[in-house]
Amino acid sequence: MVYITRRERFSAAHKLFREDWSQEQNEAVFGNCSNPNWHGHNYELFVTVKGKINPETGFVIDLKRMKQIMLIHVIDKLDHKNINLDVDFMQGKKASTEVIAVEIFKVLKEEFTKENVQLHAVKLYETENNYVEYFGD
Protein backbone atom coordinates (compact mmCIF):
# COMPACT_ATOMS: atom_id res chain seq x y z
CA MET A 1 0.00 0.00 0.00
CA VAL A 2 1.31 3.44 -0.94
CA TYR A 3 0.20 6.66 0.77
CA ILE A 4 0.11 10.03 -0.97
CA THR A 5 -0.77 13.40 0.58
CA ARG A 6 -1.87 16.71 -0.88
CA ARG A 7 -2.04 20.04 0.93
CA GLU A 8 -4.54 22.82 0.27
CA ARG A 9 -5.17 26.06 2.17
CA PHE A 10 -8.26 28.09 2.93
CA SER A 11 -9.27 31.06 5.06
CA ALA A 12 -12.54 30.98 6.92
CA ALA A 13 -14.41 32.49 9.84
CA HIS A 14 -16.25 30.66 12.58
CA LYS A 15 -17.51 31.00 16.11
CA LEU A 16 -17.62 28.43 18.89
CA PHE A 17 -20.71 28.90 21.03
CA ARG A 18 -23.84 27.28 22.32
CA GLU A 19 -27.04 29.24 21.94
CA ASP A 20 -28.45 27.62 25.08
CA TRP A 21 -25.55 29.06 27.16
CA SER A 22 -25.03 32.61 28.35
CA GLN A 23 -22.27 34.72 26.79
CA GLU A 24 -20.34 34.38 30.05
CA GLN A 25 -20.52 30.57 29.95
CA ASN A 26 -19.53 30.54 26.26
CA GLU A 27 -16.54 32.76 27.04
CA ALA A 28 -15.54 30.56 29.99
CA VAL A 29 -15.51 27.43 27.81
CA PHE A 30 -14.56 28.74 24.35
CA GLY A 31 -12.61 31.91 25.24
CA ASN A 32 -11.94 34.30 22.37
CA CYS A 33 -13.37 31.73 19.96
CA SER A 34 -16.85 32.67 21.19
CA ASN A 35 -16.48 36.28 20.00
CA PRO A 36 -20.01 37.40 19.01
CA ASN A 37 -18.54 39.01 15.88
CA TRP A 38 -16.74 35.83 14.74
CA HIS A 39 -13.03 35.29 14.13
CA GLY A 40 -10.99 33.62 11.41
CA HIS A 41 -8.10 31.31 10.64
CA ASN A 42 -5.82 30.49 7.75
CA TYR A 43 -6.27 26.74 7.68
CA GLU A 44 -4.01 24.13 6.10
CA LEU A 45 -5.63 20.88 5.03
CA PHE A 46 -3.59 17.73 4.38
CA VAL A 47 -5.45 14.83 2.78
CA THR A 48 -3.83 11.40 2.54
CA VAL A 49 -5.13 8.58 0.38
CA LYS A 50 -3.76 5.09 0.00
CA GLY A 51 -3.84 2.49 -2.70
CA LYS A 52 -1.85 0.40 -5.09
CA ILE A 53 0.29 1.91 -7.80
CA ASN A 54 -1.31 1.71 -11.22
CA PRO A 55 1.29 -0.02 -13.42
CA GLU A 56 0.15 1.95 -16.49
CA THR A 57 0.65 5.40 -14.91
CA GLY A 58 2.90 4.83 -11.91
CA PHE A 59 0.34 6.76 -9.82
CA VAL A 60 -1.77 5.82 -6.83
CA ILE A 61 -3.97 8.72 -7.98
CA ASP A 62 -3.33 11.50 -10.45
CA LEU A 63 -2.55 14.50 -8.23
CA LYS A 64 -4.42 16.79 -10.63
CA ARG A 65 -7.54 14.71 -9.97
CA MET A 66 -6.89 14.70 -6.22
CA LYS A 67 -6.59 18.50 -6.27
CA GLN A 68 -9.81 18.79 -8.28
CA ILE A 69 -11.74 16.63 -5.79
CA MET A 70 -10.45 18.61 -2.82
CA LEU A 71 -11.23 21.96 -4.44
CA ILE A 72 -14.73 21.12 -5.65
CA HIS A 73 -15.97 19.27 -2.59
CA VAL A 74 -14.17 21.08 0.24
CA ILE A 75 -11.99 24.12 -0.44
CA ASP A 76 -14.40 26.01 -2.68
CA LYS A 77 -17.10 25.54 -0.04
CA LEU A 78 -14.91 26.74 2.85
CA ASP A 79 -12.56 29.37 1.47
CA HIS A 80 -13.49 32.91 2.53
CA LYS A 81 -16.73 31.65 4.03
CA ASN A 82 -18.35 31.64 7.45
CA ILE A 83 -18.19 27.98 8.46
CA ASN A 84 -21.18 28.27 10.80
CA LEU A 85 -23.44 29.93 8.23
CA ASP A 86 -22.24 29.25 4.68
CA VAL A 87 -20.93 25.67 4.48
CA ASP A 88 -23.49 23.03 3.54
CA PHE A 89 -21.73 20.08 5.19
CA MET A 90 -21.34 22.03 8.47
CA GLN A 91 -24.99 23.05 8.91
CA GLY A 92 -26.21 22.32 12.43
CA LYS A 93 -22.75 21.24 13.64
CA LYS A 94 -20.24 22.82 16.01
CA ALA A 95 -17.51 24.54 14.00
CA SER A 96 -14.59 23.20 16.06
CA THR A 97 -11.49 22.05 14.22
CA GLU A 98 -12.26 18.49 15.31
CA VAL A 99 -15.75 18.54 13.82
CA ILE A 100 -14.60 20.29 10.64
CA ALA A 101 -11.95 17.60 10.09
CA VAL A 102 -14.45 14.77 10.62
CA GLU A 103 -16.97 16.36 8.23
CA ILE A 104 -14.29 16.92 5.57
CA PHE A 105 -13.36 13.25 5.90
CA LYS A 106 -17.00 12.21 5.40
CA VAL A 107 -17.30 14.37 2.27
CA LEU A 108 -14.06 13.14 0.71
CA LYS A 109 -14.32 9.45 1.60
CA GLU A 110 -16.98 8.72 -1.00
CA GLU A 111 -15.32 10.84 -3.68
CA PHE A 112 -11.98 9.05 -3.36
CA THR A 113 -13.66 5.64 -3.31
CA LYS A 114 -14.92 6.48 -6.83
CA GLU A 115 -11.25 6.94 -7.82
CA ASN A 116 -10.29 3.47 -6.55
CA VAL A 117 -8.25 4.79 -3.63
CA GLN A 118 -9.03 4.80 0.07
CA LEU A 119 -9.08 7.96 2.16
CA HIS A 120 -6.56 7.37 4.94
CA ALA A 121 -6.47 10.63 6.89
CA VAL A 122 -7.42 14.26 7.09
CA LYS A 123 -5.08 16.60 8.97
CA LEU A 124 -6.40 20.10 9.53
CA TYR A 125 -4.20 22.86 10.94
CA GLU A 126 -6.15 25.71 12.54
CA THR A 127 -2.96 27.49 13.61
CA GLU A 128 0.71 26.66 13.30
CA ASN A 129 0.49 25.19 16.81
CA ASN A 130 -2.87 23.36 16.68
CA TYR A 131 -4.09 20.66 14.36
CA VAL A 132 -6.44 17.70 14.26
CA GLU A 133 -5.88 14.37 12.54
CA TYR A 134 -8.80 12.09 11.72
CA PHE A 135 -8.50 8.58 10.34
CA GLY A 136 -12.18 7.62 10.14
CA ASP A 137 -14.27 5.64 12.59
C-alpha atoms as a PDB file:
ATOM      1  CA  MET A   1       0.000   0.000   0.000  1.00  0.00           C
ATOM      2  CA  VAL A   2       1.311   3.441  -0.940  1.00  0.00           C
ATOM      3  CA  TYR A   3       0.203   6.657   0.771  1.00  0.00           C
ATOM      4  CA  ILE A   4       0.107  10.034  -0.966  1.00  0.00           C
ATOM      5  CA  THR A   5      -0.768  13.398   0.583  1.00  0.00           C
ATOM      6  CA  ARG A   6      -1.870  16.712  -0.875  1.00  0.00           C
ATOM      7  CA  ARG A   7      -2.044  20.045   0.932  1.00  0.00           C
ATOM      8  CA  GLU A   8      -4.538  22.820   0.273  1.00  0.00           C
ATOM      9  CA  ARG A   9      -5.169  26.060   2.167  1.00  0.00           C
ATOM     10  CA  PHE A  10      -8.258  28.086   2.932  1.00  0.00           C
ATOM     11  CA  SER A  11      -9.272  31.056   5.057  1.00  0.00           C
ATOM     12  CA  ALA A  12     -12.540  30.979   6.921  1.00  0.00           C
ATOM     13  CA  ALA A  13     -14.413  32.494   9.837  1.00  0.00           C
ATOM     14  CA  HIS A  14     -16.248  30.664  12.584  1.00  0.00           C
ATOM     15  CA  LYS A  15     -17.513  30.998  16.115  1.00  0.00           C
ATOM     16  CA  LEU A  16     -17.625  28.431  18.893  1.00  0.00           C
ATOM     17  CA  PHE A  17     -20.707  28.899  21.032  1.00  0.00           C
ATOM     18  CA  ARG A  18     -23.838  27.280  22.324  1.00  0.00           C
ATOM     19  CA  GLU A  19     -27.041  29.241  21.944  1.00  0.00           C
ATOM     20  CA  ASP A  20     -28.447  27.621  25.082  1.00  0.00           C
ATOM     21  CA  TRP A  21     -25.545  29.059  27.157  1.00  0.00           C
ATOM     22  CA  SER A  22     -25.029  32.606  28.355  1.00  0.00           C
ATOM     23  CA  GLN A  23     -22.271  34.721  26.790  1.00  0.00           C
ATOM     24  CA  GLU A  24     -20.338  34.380  30.051  1.00  0.00           C
ATOM     25  CA  GLN A  25     -20.521  30.575  29.951  1.00  0.00           C
ATOM     26  CA  ASN A  26     -19.528  30.543  26.262  1.00  0.00           C
ATOM     27  CA  GLU A  27     -16.535  32.760  27.044  1.00  0.00           C
ATOM     28  CA  ALA A  28     -15.545  30.557  29.990  1.00  0.00           C
ATOM     29  CA  VAL A  29     -15.507  27.428  27.806  1.00  0.00           C
ATOM     30  CA  PHE A  30     -14.555  28.738  24.348  1.00  0.00           C
ATOM     31  CA  GLY A  31     -12.607  31.905  25.244  1.00  0.00           C
ATOM     32  CA  ASN A  32     -11.943  34.303  22.371  1.00  0.00           C
ATOM     33  CA  CYS A  33     -13.367  31.728  19.957  1.00  0.00           C
ATOM     34  CA  SER A  34     -16.845  32.672  21.193  1.00  0.00           C
ATOM     35  CA  ASN A  35     -16.479  36.283  19.998  1.00  0.00           C
ATOM     36  CA  PRO A  36     -20.011  37.397  19.009  1.00  0.00           C
ATOM     37  CA  ASN A  37     -18.543  39.014  15.879  1.00  0.00           C
ATOM     38  CA  TRP A  38     -16.742  35.826  14.738  1.00  0.00           C
ATOM     39  CA  HIS A  39     -13.028  35.293  14.125  1.00  0.00           C
ATOM     40  CA  GLY A  40     -10.991  33.622  11.406  1.00  0.00           C
ATOM     41  CA  HIS A  41      -8.101  31.315  10.638  1.00  0.00           C
ATOM     42  CA  ASN A  42      -5.822  30.493   7.749  1.00  0.00           C
ATOM     43  CA  TYR A  43      -6.267  26.736   7.677  1.00  0.00           C
ATOM     44  CA  GLU A  44      -4.008  24.132   6.098  1.00  0.00           C
ATOM     45  CA  LEU A  45      -5.628  20.878   5.026  1.00  0.00           C
ATOM     46  CA  PHE A  46      -3.592  17.731   4.376  1.00  0.00           C
ATOM     47  CA  VAL A  47      -5.455  14.829   2.784  1.00  0.00           C
ATOM     48  CA  THR A  48      -3.834  11.402   2.544  1.00  0.00           C
ATOM     49  CA  VAL A  49      -5.128   8.581   0.378  1.00  0.00           C
ATOM     50  CA  LYS A  50      -3.756   5.087   0.002  1.00  0.00           C
ATOM     51  CA  GLY A  51      -3.836   2.487  -2.701  1.00  0.00           C
ATOM     52  CA  LYS A  52      -1.850   0.398  -5.090  1.00  0.00           C
ATOM     53  CA  ILE A  53       0.291   1.913  -7.799  1.00  0.00           C
ATOM     54  CA  ASN A  54      -1.310   1.714 -11.222  1.00  0.00           C
ATOM     55  CA  PRO A  55       1.295  -0.018 -13.419  1.00  0.00           C
ATOM     56  CA  GLU A  56       0.145   1.951 -16.489  1.00  0.00           C
ATOM     57  CA  THR A  57       0.646   5.401 -14.911  1.00  0.00           C
ATOM     58  CA  GLY A  58       2.904   4.833 -11.914  1.00  0.00           C
ATOM     59  CA  PHE A  59       0.343   6.760  -9.824  1.00  0.00           C
ATOM     60  CA  VAL A  60      -1.766   5.823  -6.834  1.00  0.00           C
ATOM     61  CA  ILE A  61      -3.969   8.717  -7.978  1.00  0.00           C
ATOM     62  CA  ASP A  62      -3.326  11.499 -10.450  1.00  0.00           C
ATOM     63  CA  LEU A  63      -2.546  14.502  -8.232  1.00  0.00           C
ATOM     64  CA  LYS A  64      -4.416  16.792 -10.627  1.00  0.00           C
ATOM     65  CA  ARG A  65      -7.536  14.709  -9.966  1.00  0.00           C
ATOM     66  CA  MET A  66      -6.887  14.704  -6.217  1.00  0.00           C
ATOM     67  CA  LYS A  67      -6.591  18.502  -6.266  1.00  0.00           C
ATOM     68  CA  GLN A  68      -9.807  18.793  -8.277  1.00  0.00           C
ATOM     69  CA  ILE A  69     -11.743  16.633  -5.794  1.00  0.00           C
ATOM     70  CA  MET A  70     -10.447  18.610  -2.821  1.00  0.00           C
ATOM     71  CA  LEU A  71     -11.228  21.958  -4.444  1.00  0.00           C
ATOM     72  CA  ILE A  72     -14.727  21.119  -5.652  1.00  0.00           C
ATOM     73  CA  HIS A  73     -15.974  19.265  -2.590  1.00  0.00           C
ATOM     74  CA  VAL A  74     -14.174  21.077   0.242  1.00  0.00           C
ATOM     75  CA  ILE A  75     -11.987  24.117  -0.442  1.00  0.00           C
ATOM     76  CA  ASP A  76     -14.402  26.014  -2.684  1.00  0.00           C
ATOM     77  CA  LYS A  77     -17.097  25.542  -0.039  1.00  0.00           C
ATOM     78  CA  LEU A  78     -14.911  26.736   2.854  1.00  0.00           C
ATOM     79  CA  ASP A  79     -12.557  29.371   1.475  1.00  0.00           C
ATOM     80  CA  HIS A  80     -13.491  32.915   2.532  1.00  0.00           C
ATOM     81  CA  LYS A  81     -16.726  31.646   4.030  1.00  0.00           C
ATOM     82  CA  ASN A  82     -18.351  31.640   7.454  1.00  0.00           C
ATOM     83  CA  ILE A  83     -18.189  27.984   8.464  1.00  0.00           C
ATOM     84  CA  ASN A  84     -21.180  28.271  10.800  1.00  0.00           C
ATOM     85  CA  LEU A  85     -23.440  29.934   8.231  1.00  0.00           C
ATOM     86  CA  ASP A  86     -22.237  29.249   4.678  1.00  0.00           C
ATOM     87  CA  VAL A  87     -20.929  25.669   4.481  1.00  0.00           C
ATOM     88  CA  ASP A  88     -23.486  23.028   3.541  1.00  0.00           C
ATOM     89  CA  PHE A  89     -21.731  20.085   5.193  1.00  0.00           C
ATOM     90  CA  MET A  90     -21.344  22.032   8.466  1.00  0.00           C
ATOM     91  CA  GLN A  91     -24.985  23.050   8.906  1.00  0.00           C
ATOM     92  CA  GLY A  92     -26.206  22.319  12.433  1.00  0.00           C
ATOM     93  CA  LYS A  93     -22.749  21.239  13.642  1.00  0.00           C
ATOM     94  CA  LYS A  94     -20.235  22.818  16.015  1.00  0.00           C
ATOM     95  CA  ALA A  95     -17.506  24.536  14.003  1.00  0.00           C
ATOM     96  CA  SER A  96     -14.585  23.203  16.057  1.00  0.00           C
ATOM     97  CA  THR A  97     -11.488  22.055  14.220  1.00  0.00           C
ATOM     98  CA  GLU A  98     -12.262  18.494  15.312  1.00  0.00           C
ATOM     99  CA  VAL A  99     -15.753  18.541  13.825  1.00  0.00           C
ATOM    100  CA  ILE A 100     -14.597  20.291  10.637  1.00  0.00           C
ATOM    101  CA  ALA A 101     -11.946  17.598  10.088  1.00  0.00           C
ATOM    102  CA  VAL A 102     -14.452  14.771  10.621  1.00  0.00           C
ATOM    103  CA  GLU A 103     -16.965  16.357   8.230  1.00  0.00           C
ATOM    104  CA  ILE A 104     -14.291  16.920   5.574  1.00  0.00           C
ATOM    105  CA  PHE A 105     -13.362  13.247   5.904  1.00  0.00           C
ATOM    106  CA  LYS A 106     -17.002  12.212   5.397  1.00  0.00           C
ATOM    107  CA  VAL A 107     -17.302  14.368   2.269  1.00  0.00           C
ATOM    108  CA  LEU A 108     -14.061  13.143   0.712  1.00  0.00           C
ATOM    109  CA  LYS A 109     -14.320   9.450   1.601  1.00  0.00           C
ATOM    110  CA  GLU A 110     -16.984   8.716  -0.998  1.00  0.00           C
ATOM    111  CA  GLU A 111     -15.319  10.836  -3.678  1.00  0.00           C
ATOM    112  CA  PHE A 112     -11.984   9.050  -3.360  1.00  0.00           C
ATOM    113  CA  THR A 113     -13.661   5.636  -3.312  1.00  0.00           C
ATOM    114  CA  LYS A 114     -14.917   6.483  -6.828  1.00  0.00           C
ATOM    115  CA  GLU A 115     -11.245   6.944  -7.818  1.00  0.00           C
ATOM    116  CA  ASN A 116     -10.285   3.467  -6.551  1.00  0.00           C
ATOM    117  CA  VAL A 117      -8.251   4.794  -3.625  1.00  0.00           C
ATOM    118  CA  GLN A 118      -9.034   4.798   0.074  1.00  0.00           C
ATOM    119  CA  LEU A 119      -9.078   7.959   2.155  1.00  0.00           C
ATOM    120  CA  HIS A 120      -6.558   7.369   4.935  1.00  0.00           C
ATOM    121  CA  ALA A 121      -6.470  10.632   6.895  1.00  0.00           C
ATOM    122  CA  VAL A 122      -7.417  14.263   7.093  1.00  0.00           C
ATOM    123  CA  LYS A 123      -5.081  16.598   8.967  1.00  0.00           C
ATOM    124  CA  LEU A 124      -6.396  20.104   9.533  1.00  0.00           C
ATOM    125  CA  TYR A 125      -4.199  22.864  10.944  1.00  0.00           C
ATOM    126  CA  GLU A 126      -6.149  25.705  12.538  1.00  0.00           C
ATOM    127  CA  THR A 127      -2.962  27.493  13.607  1.00  0.00           C
ATOM    128  CA  GLU A 128       0.710  26.663  13.301  1.00  0.00           C
ATOM    129  CA  ASN A 129       0.488  25.192  16.808  1.00  0.00           C
ATOM    130  CA  ASN A 130      -2.868  23.363  16.676  1.00  0.00           C
ATOM    131  CA  TYR A 131      -4.094  20.663  14.361  1.00  0.00           C
ATOM    132  CA  VAL A 132      -6.441  17.700  14.257  1.00  0.00           C
ATOM    133  CA  GLU A 133      -5.875  14.368  12.543  1.00  0.00           C
ATOM    134  CA  TYR A 134      -8.795  12.092  11.722  1.00  0.00           C
ATOM    135  CA  PHE A 135      -8.502   8.575  10.337  1.00  0.00           C
ATOM    136  CA  GLY A 136     -12.177   7.622  10.143  1.00  0.00           C
ATOM    137  CA  ASP A 137     -14.270   5.635  12.585  1.00  0.00           C
END
